Amino acid sequence: MRRALLAALLIGLSGALAAQGQVEPPIANDDPAGQEGPRPENGRLQTAAAMQVSTVKEVLASRQDDQDVVLRGRIVRHLRGDDYIFADETGEIEIELDDDDFPRDRIPMDTEVEIRGEVDLDRNKVTVEVDEIMEAAARPR
């Protein structure tokens, strides 16, 4: 009886351990078009640290809708609602920064930040919809 109980227990535990064997779950693709941004060969999204930093001038010149960008500079003024003006040494651009993404208590205005977002070209106006923001000094290298 003990052997049967021990065998059943071992089989049950080995099944539970095997179920936990998957280390990284696949990333869910929220974009209905199937394009979520730049992906290396392993299918993972590039982080802000892995993407090349662009300038405001480059973003305004490229006028490429849905382009993922990383910008380094300062949020210099609040326009209305979620809209702000972001500036670097090359110019200014309007950004849309959701209140949930902007830790106002931790990042004061006019602090150097790095933002990751997506270019939005709407009615001939270029803006950046911010997905992630962090202090430039706090950016992992």
N, C-alpha and C. Protein backbone atom coordinates (compact mmCIF):
# COMPACT_ATOMS: atom_id res chain seq x y z
N MET A 1 0.82 -1.19 0.00
CA MET A 1 0.00 0.00 0.00
C MET A 1 0.86 1.25 0.00
N ARG A 2 1.93 1.22 0.83
CA ARG A 2 2.82 2.38 0.89
C ARG A 2 3.50 2.63 -0.45
N ARG A 3 3.90 1.56 -1.10
CA ARG A 3 4.57 1.70 -2.39
C ARG A 3 3.64 2.33 -3.42
N ALA A 4 2.40 1.92 -3.44
CA ALA A 4 1.44 2.48 -4.40
C ALA A 4 1.20 3.96 -4.11
N LEU A 5 1.10 4.32 -2.84
CA LEU A 5 0.91 5.71 -2.45
C LEU A 5 2.14 6.55 -2.81
N LEU A 6 3.32 6.01 -2.54
CA LEU A 6 4.56 6.70 -2.87
C LEU A 6 4.71 6.87 -4.38
N ALA A 7 4.37 5.85 -5.15
CA ALA A 7 4.46 5.93 -6.61
C ALA A 7 3.50 6.98 -7.15
N ALA A 8 2.28 7.01 -6.62
CA ALA A 8 1.30 8.00 -7.07
C ALA A 8 1.77 9.42 -6.73
N LEU A 9 2.34 9.58 -5.55
CA LEU A 9 2.85 10.89 -5.13
C LEU A 9 3.99 11.35 -6.03
N LEU A 10 4.92 10.47 -6.35
CA LEU A 10 6.04 10.82 -7.23
C LEU A 10 5.57 11.17 -8.63
N ILE A 11 4.62 10.44 -9.15
CA ILE A 11 4.08 10.73 -10.48
C ILE A 11 3.40 12.09 -10.49
N GLY A 12 2.64 12.37 -9.45
CA GLY A 12 1.95 13.67 -9.36
C GLY A 12 2.93 14.82 -9.26
N LEU A 13 3.97 14.67 -8.45
CA LEU A 13 4.97 15.74 -8.32
C LEU A 13 5.76 15.93 -9.60
N SER A 14 6.13 14.86 -10.28
CA SER A 14 6.89 15.01 -11.51
C SER A 14 6.06 15.70 -12.59
N GLY A 15 4.76 15.44 -12.62
CA GLY A 15 3.88 16.12 -13.57
C GLY A 15 3.79 17.61 -13.27
N ALA A 16 3.72 17.98 -12.01
CA ALA A 16 3.66 19.39 -11.63
C ALA A 16 4.96 20.10 -11.98
N LEU A 17 6.08 19.43 -11.76
CA LEU A 17 7.37 20.04 -12.10
C LEU A 17 7.53 20.20 -13.61
N ALA A 18 7.06 19.24 -14.36
CA ALA A 18 7.15 19.33 -15.82
C ALA A 18 6.29 20.47 -16.34
N ALA A 19 5.16 20.70 -15.71
CA ALA A 19 4.28 21.79 -16.14
C ALA A 19 4.93 23.15 -15.90
N GLN A 20 5.81 23.23 -14.92
CA GLN A 20 6.49 24.49 -14.63
C GLN A 20 7.77 24.65 -15.44
N GLY A 21 8.05 23.75 -16.32
CA GLY A 21 9.29 23.77 -17.08
C GLY A 21 9.42 24.90 -18.07
N GLN A 22 8.33 25.51 -18.49
CA GLN A 22 8.39 26.61 -19.44
C GLN A 22 8.91 27.85 -18.72
N VAL A 23 10.07 28.33 -19.12
CA VAL A 23 10.70 29.45 -18.44
C VAL A 23 10.09 30.78 -18.86
N GLU A 24 9.93 31.03 -20.15
CA GLU A 24 9.42 32.31 -20.63
C GLU A 24 8.16 32.09 -21.45
N PRO A 25 7.05 32.66 -21.01
CA PRO A 25 5.84 32.53 -21.82
C PRO A 25 5.95 33.39 -23.07
N PRO A 26 5.27 33.02 -24.13
CA PRO A 26 5.33 33.85 -25.34
C PRO A 26 4.66 35.19 -25.09
N ILE A 27 5.12 36.22 -25.80
CA ILE A 27 4.54 37.55 -25.69
C ILE A 27 3.22 37.57 -26.44
N ALA A 28 2.20 38.09 -25.78
CA ALA A 28 0.91 38.24 -26.45
C ALA A 28 1.00 39.39 -27.43
N ASN A 29 0.47 39.21 -28.61
CA ASN A 29 0.51 40.26 -29.62
C ASN A 29 -0.80 41.02 -29.57
N ASP A 30 -0.77 42.23 -28.98
CA ASP A 30 -1.97 43.04 -28.83
C ASP A 30 -2.34 43.80 -30.08
N ASP A 31 -1.43 43.89 -31.03
CA ASP A 31 -1.69 44.66 -32.23
C ASP A 31 -2.49 43.82 -33.22
N PRO A 32 -3.69 44.28 -33.62
CA PRO A 32 -4.50 43.48 -34.53
C PRO A 32 -3.84 43.25 -35.88
N ALA A 33 -2.95 44.12 -36.29
CA ALA A 33 -2.29 43.95 -37.58
C ALA A 33 -1.16 42.93 -37.50
N GLY A 34 -0.83 42.50 -36.28
CA GLY A 34 0.24 41.52 -36.12
C GLY A 34 1.61 42.15 -36.07
N GLN A 35 1.70 43.46 -36.03
CA GLN A 35 2.97 44.17 -35.98
C GLN A 35 3.03 44.93 -34.66
N GLU A 36 3.90 44.55 -33.77
CA GLU A 36 3.95 45.20 -32.47
C GLU A 36 5.19 46.07 -32.33
N GLY A 37 6.09 46.04 -33.25
CA GLY A 37 7.29 46.84 -33.16
C GLY A 37 8.49 46.03 -33.59
N PRO A 38 9.67 46.58 -33.42
CA PRO A 38 10.87 45.87 -33.86
C PRO A 38 11.08 44.60 -33.05
N ARG A 39 11.31 43.51 -33.75
CA ARG A 39 11.52 42.23 -33.08
C ARG A 39 12.80 41.59 -33.61
N PRO A 40 13.68 41.21 -32.72
CA PRO A 40 14.84 40.45 -33.16
C PRO A 40 14.40 39.03 -33.52
N GLU A 41 15.34 38.19 -33.92
CA GLU A 41 15.02 36.85 -34.39
C GLU A 41 14.31 35.99 -33.35
N ASN A 42 14.55 36.24 -32.06
CA ASN A 42 13.92 35.40 -31.04
C ASN A 42 12.48 35.79 -30.76
N GLY A 43 11.95 36.81 -31.44
CA GLY A 43 10.55 37.17 -31.30
C GLY A 43 10.25 38.09 -30.14
N ARG A 44 11.24 38.50 -29.39
CA ARG A 44 11.04 39.37 -28.23
C ARG A 44 11.09 40.83 -28.67
N LEU A 45 10.30 41.67 -28.01
CA LEU A 45 10.34 43.10 -28.30
C LEU A 45 11.66 43.67 -27.84
N GLN A 46 12.15 44.67 -28.56
CA GLN A 46 13.35 45.36 -28.13
C GLN A 46 13.00 46.31 -27.00
N THR A 47 13.83 46.37 -26.00
CA THR A 47 13.61 47.30 -24.90
C THR A 47 14.19 48.65 -25.28
N ALA A 48 13.87 49.67 -24.49
CA ALA A 48 14.40 51.01 -24.74
C ALA A 48 15.92 50.99 -24.72
N ALA A 49 16.50 50.16 -23.86
CA ALA A 49 17.95 50.09 -23.77
C ALA A 49 18.56 49.51 -25.05
N ALA A 50 17.82 48.64 -25.76
CA ALA A 50 18.35 48.00 -26.95
C ALA A 50 18.14 48.83 -28.22
N MET A 51 17.23 49.79 -28.18
CA MET A 51 16.94 50.61 -29.36
C MET A 51 17.86 51.83 -29.39
N GLN A 52 18.18 52.29 -30.58
CA GLN A 52 19.04 53.46 -30.74
C GLN A 52 18.25 54.72 -30.42
N VAL A 53 18.90 55.64 -29.70
CA VAL A 53 18.26 56.91 -29.35
C VAL A 53 18.21 57.80 -30.58
N SER A 54 17.03 58.35 -30.86
CA SER A 54 16.83 59.28 -31.97
C SER A 54 16.78 60.69 -31.43
N THR A 55 16.77 61.65 -32.34
CA THR A 55 16.59 63.05 -31.95
C THR A 55 15.22 63.52 -32.43
N VAL A 56 14.74 64.60 -31.84
CA VAL A 56 13.47 65.18 -32.26
C VAL A 56 13.53 65.55 -33.74
N LYS A 57 14.65 66.11 -34.16
CA LYS A 57 14.82 66.52 -35.55
C LYS A 57 14.66 65.32 -36.50
N GLU A 58 15.26 64.19 -36.14
CA GLU A 58 15.16 62.98 -36.97
C GLU A 58 13.71 62.48 -37.05
N VAL A 59 13.01 62.51 -35.91
CA VAL A 59 11.62 62.04 -35.89
C VAL A 59 10.74 62.93 -36.76
N LEU A 60 10.92 64.25 -36.63
CA LEU A 60 10.12 65.18 -37.43
C LEU A 60 10.44 65.06 -38.92
N ALA A 61 11.70 64.80 -39.25
CA ALA A 61 12.10 64.68 -40.66
C ALA A 61 11.61 63.37 -41.28
N SER A 62 11.60 62.29 -40.52
CA SER A 62 11.21 61.00 -41.08
C SER A 62 9.71 60.90 -41.33
N ARG A 63 8.92 61.53 -40.48
CA ARG A 63 7.45 61.53 -40.63
C ARG A 63 6.91 60.12 -40.90
N GLN A 64 7.46 59.14 -40.20
CA GLN A 64 7.09 57.75 -40.42
C GLN A 64 6.11 57.31 -39.33
N ASP A 65 4.84 57.11 -39.70
CA ASP A 65 3.80 56.73 -38.75
C ASP A 65 4.09 55.35 -38.16
N ASP A 66 3.79 55.18 -36.88
CA ASP A 66 3.93 53.92 -36.15
C ASP A 66 5.37 53.48 -35.95
N GLN A 67 6.33 54.35 -36.16
CA GLN A 67 7.74 54.03 -35.96
C GLN A 67 8.04 54.05 -34.46
N ASP A 68 8.70 53.01 -33.95
CA ASP A 68 9.13 52.98 -32.55
C ASP A 68 10.36 53.85 -32.41
N VAL A 69 10.36 54.71 -31.38
CA VAL A 69 11.49 55.62 -31.17
C VAL A 69 11.86 55.68 -29.70
N VAL A 70 13.11 56.04 -29.46
CA VAL A 70 13.61 56.37 -28.13
C VAL A 70 14.18 57.77 -28.23
N LEU A 71 13.73 58.66 -27.35
CA LEU A 71 14.21 60.04 -27.33
C LEU A 71 14.76 60.37 -25.96
N ARG A 72 15.80 61.18 -25.93
CA ARG A 72 16.38 61.64 -24.67
C ARG A 72 16.33 63.16 -24.65
N GLY A 73 15.74 63.70 -23.60
CA GLY A 73 15.63 65.15 -23.47
C GLY A 73 14.83 65.50 -22.23
N ARG A 74 14.02 66.57 -22.34
CA ARG A 74 13.26 67.06 -21.19
C ARG A 74 11.82 67.33 -21.57
N ILE A 75 10.92 67.10 -20.64
CA ILE A 75 9.54 67.55 -20.81
C ILE A 75 9.52 68.98 -20.29
N VAL A 76 9.28 69.92 -21.20
CA VAL A 76 9.44 71.33 -20.84
C VAL A 76 8.14 72.03 -20.49
N ARG A 77 7.00 71.49 -20.98
CA ARG A 77 5.75 72.17 -20.65
C ARG A 77 4.56 71.24 -20.84
N HIS A 78 3.54 71.50 -20.05
CA HIS A 78 2.28 70.77 -20.13
C HIS A 78 1.32 71.58 -20.97
N LEU A 79 0.71 70.96 -21.98
CA LEU A 79 -0.23 71.67 -22.85
C LEU A 79 -1.66 71.53 -22.33
N ARG A 80 -2.14 70.29 -22.29
CA ARG A 80 -3.51 70.01 -21.84
C ARG A 80 -3.64 68.50 -21.68
N GLY A 81 -4.45 68.08 -20.74
CA GLY A 81 -4.68 66.65 -20.55
C GLY A 81 -3.40 65.84 -20.52
N ASP A 82 -3.26 64.92 -21.47
CA ASP A 82 -2.08 64.05 -21.56
C ASP A 82 -1.01 64.59 -22.51
N ASP A 83 -1.17 65.82 -23.00
CA ASP A 83 -0.27 66.37 -24.01
C ASP A 83 0.78 67.29 -23.39
N TYR A 84 2.05 67.04 -23.77
CA TYR A 84 3.19 67.79 -23.26
C TYR A 84 4.10 68.16 -24.42
N ILE A 85 5.01 69.09 -24.18
CA ILE A 85 6.07 69.40 -25.13
C ILE A 85 7.36 68.79 -24.60
N PHE A 86 7.99 67.99 -25.46
CA PHE A 86 9.26 67.35 -25.16
C PHE A 86 10.32 68.04 -26.01
N ALA A 87 11.49 68.31 -25.44
CA ALA A 87 12.55 68.98 -26.18
C ALA A 87 13.89 68.29 -25.95
N ASP A 88 14.68 68.26 -27.02
CA ASP A 88 16.08 67.88 -26.89
C ASP A 88 16.90 68.98 -27.55
N GLU A 89 18.17 68.75 -27.76
CA GLU A 89 19.03 69.81 -28.31
C GLU A 89 18.72 70.14 -29.76
N THR A 90 17.87 69.31 -30.43
CA THR A 90 17.58 69.54 -31.85
C THR A 90 16.21 70.14 -32.11
N GLY A 91 15.34 70.18 -31.11
CA GLY A 91 14.02 70.75 -31.33
C GLY A 91 12.99 70.30 -30.32
N GLU A 92 11.73 70.59 -30.63
CA GLU A 92 10.61 70.25 -29.75
C GLU A 92 9.58 69.43 -30.51
N ILE A 93 8.87 68.58 -29.78
CA ILE A 93 7.80 67.77 -30.36
C ILE A 93 6.73 67.56 -29.30
N GLU A 94 5.49 67.46 -29.76
CA GLU A 94 4.40 67.18 -28.83
C GLU A 94 4.37 65.68 -28.55
N ILE A 95 4.20 65.35 -27.27
CA ILE A 95 4.08 63.94 -26.88
C ILE A 95 2.77 63.74 -26.14
N GLU A 96 2.26 62.52 -26.23
CA GLU A 96 1.07 62.13 -25.48
C GLU A 96 1.53 61.17 -24.39
N LEU A 97 1.38 61.60 -23.15
CA LEU A 97 1.88 60.84 -22.01
C LEU A 97 0.73 60.56 -21.06
N ASP A 98 0.26 59.33 -21.08
CA ASP A 98 -0.86 58.93 -20.23
C ASP A 98 -0.47 59.10 -18.77
N ASP A 99 -1.40 59.58 -17.95
CA ASP A 99 -1.13 59.80 -16.53
C ASP A 99 -0.60 58.54 -15.85
N ASP A 100 -1.04 57.37 -16.29
CA ASP A 100 -0.58 56.11 -15.70
C ASP A 100 0.89 55.85 -15.98
N ASP A 101 1.43 56.42 -17.07
CA ASP A 101 2.82 56.18 -17.46
C ASP A 101 3.78 57.23 -16.92
N PHE A 102 3.25 58.32 -16.35
CA PHE A 102 4.11 59.43 -15.93
C PHE A 102 4.15 59.52 -14.42
N PRO A 103 5.21 59.00 -13.81
CA PRO A 103 5.31 59.04 -12.35
C PRO A 103 5.67 60.45 -11.87
N ARG A 104 4.68 61.33 -11.84
CA ARG A 104 4.92 62.74 -11.51
C ARG A 104 5.61 62.93 -10.17
N ASP A 105 5.32 62.06 -9.21
CA ASP A 105 5.94 62.20 -7.90
C ASP A 105 7.41 61.85 -7.90
N ARG A 106 7.88 61.15 -8.92
CA ARG A 106 9.28 60.74 -8.97
C ARG A 106 10.10 61.47 -10.02
N ILE A 107 9.48 62.00 -11.07
CA ILE A 107 10.21 62.68 -12.13
C ILE A 107 9.68 64.10 -12.26
N PRO A 108 10.41 65.09 -11.74
CA PRO A 108 9.95 66.47 -11.88
C PRO A 108 10.09 66.96 -13.33
N MET A 109 9.25 67.92 -13.70
CA MET A 109 9.35 68.53 -15.03
C MET A 109 10.76 69.08 -15.19
N ASP A 110 11.22 69.14 -16.43
CA ASP A 110 12.53 69.67 -16.81
C ASP A 110 13.70 68.80 -16.33
N THR A 111 13.41 67.56 -15.94
CA THR A 111 14.45 66.60 -15.62
C THR A 111 14.78 65.85 -16.90
N GLU A 112 16.06 65.53 -17.10
CA GLU A 112 16.41 64.77 -18.30
C GLU A 112 15.83 63.37 -18.20
N VAL A 113 15.07 63.01 -19.24
CA VAL A 113 14.40 61.71 -19.27
C VAL A 113 14.68 61.01 -20.59
N GLU A 114 14.39 59.74 -20.60
CA GLU A 114 14.42 58.96 -21.83
C GLU A 114 13.03 58.38 -22.00
N ILE A 115 12.46 58.58 -23.18
CA ILE A 115 11.13 58.05 -23.46
C ILE A 115 11.19 57.06 -24.61
N ARG A 116 10.34 56.04 -24.51
CA ARG A 116 10.16 55.08 -25.59
C ARG A 116 8.71 55.19 -26.01
N GLY A 117 8.49 55.30 -27.29
CA GLY A 117 7.12 55.44 -27.75
C GLY A 117 7.00 55.18 -29.24
N GLU A 118 5.86 55.61 -29.77
CA GLU A 118 5.54 55.36 -31.17
C GLU A 118 5.15 56.67 -31.84
N VAL A 119 5.70 56.91 -33.01
CA VAL A 119 5.38 58.12 -33.77
C VAL A 119 3.95 58.03 -34.27
N ASP A 120 3.22 59.13 -34.13
CA ASP A 120 1.84 59.19 -34.61
C ASP A 120 1.75 60.35 -35.59
N LEU A 121 1.47 60.04 -36.85
CA LEU A 121 1.31 61.06 -37.89
C LEU A 121 -0.18 61.18 -38.16
N ASP A 122 -0.77 62.29 -37.72
CA ASP A 122 -2.20 62.49 -37.85
C ASP A 122 -2.47 63.89 -38.38
N ARG A 123 -3.13 63.96 -39.52
CA ARG A 123 -3.45 65.24 -40.16
C ARG A 123 -2.20 66.10 -40.34
N ASN A 124 -1.15 65.46 -40.81
CA ASN A 124 0.11 66.14 -41.11
C ASN A 124 0.82 66.67 -39.87
N LYS A 125 0.45 66.19 -38.67
CA LYS A 125 1.09 66.60 -37.43
C LYS A 125 1.79 65.39 -36.82
N VAL A 126 3.05 65.56 -36.46
CA VAL A 126 3.84 64.47 -35.89
C VAL A 126 3.86 64.60 -34.37
N THR A 127 3.44 63.53 -33.69
CA THR A 127 3.53 63.47 -32.23
C THR A 127 4.11 62.11 -31.85
N VAL A 128 4.44 61.95 -30.58
CA VAL A 128 4.92 60.67 -30.08
C VAL A 128 4.01 60.22 -28.95
N GLU A 129 3.46 59.02 -29.08
CA GLU A 129 2.67 58.41 -28.01
C GLU A 129 3.64 57.64 -27.12
N VAL A 130 3.80 58.08 -25.88
CA VAL A 130 4.81 57.52 -24.98
C VAL A 130 4.30 56.22 -24.35
N ASP A 131 5.14 55.18 -24.43
CA ASP A 131 4.85 53.90 -23.79
C ASP A 131 5.60 53.75 -22.47
N GLU A 132 6.79 54.35 -22.39
CA GLU A 132 7.65 54.19 -21.22
C GLU A 132 8.47 55.45 -21.03
N ILE A 133 8.63 55.86 -19.77
CA ILE A 133 9.45 57.03 -19.46
C ILE A 133 10.28 56.71 -18.22
N MET A 134 11.54 57.16 -18.23
CA MET A 134 12.40 57.00 -17.05
C MET A 134 13.41 58.13 -17.02
N GLU A 135 13.90 58.41 -15.83
CA GLU A 135 14.96 59.41 -15.72
C GLU A 135 16.17 58.90 -16.49
N ALA A 136 16.82 59.79 -17.22
CA ALA A 136 17.97 59.37 -18.04
C ALA A 136 19.08 58.80 -17.17
N ALA A 137 19.27 59.36 -15.99
CA ALA A 137 20.32 58.88 -15.09
C ALA A 137 20.00 57.48 -14.56
N ALA A 138 18.71 57.13 -14.50
CA ALA A 138 18.29 55.84 -13.96
C ALA A 138 18.25 54.75 -15.02
N ARG A 139 18.53 55.09 -16.27
CA ARG A 139 18.45 54.14 -17.38
C ARG A 139 19.50 53.05 -17.21
N PRO A 140 19.09 51.79 -17.28
CA PRO A 140 20.07 50.70 -17.19
C PRO A 140 20.97 50.69 -18.42
N ARG A 141 22.22 50.43 -18.24
CA ARG A 141 23.18 50.45 -19.34
C ARG A 141 23.51 49.06 -19.80
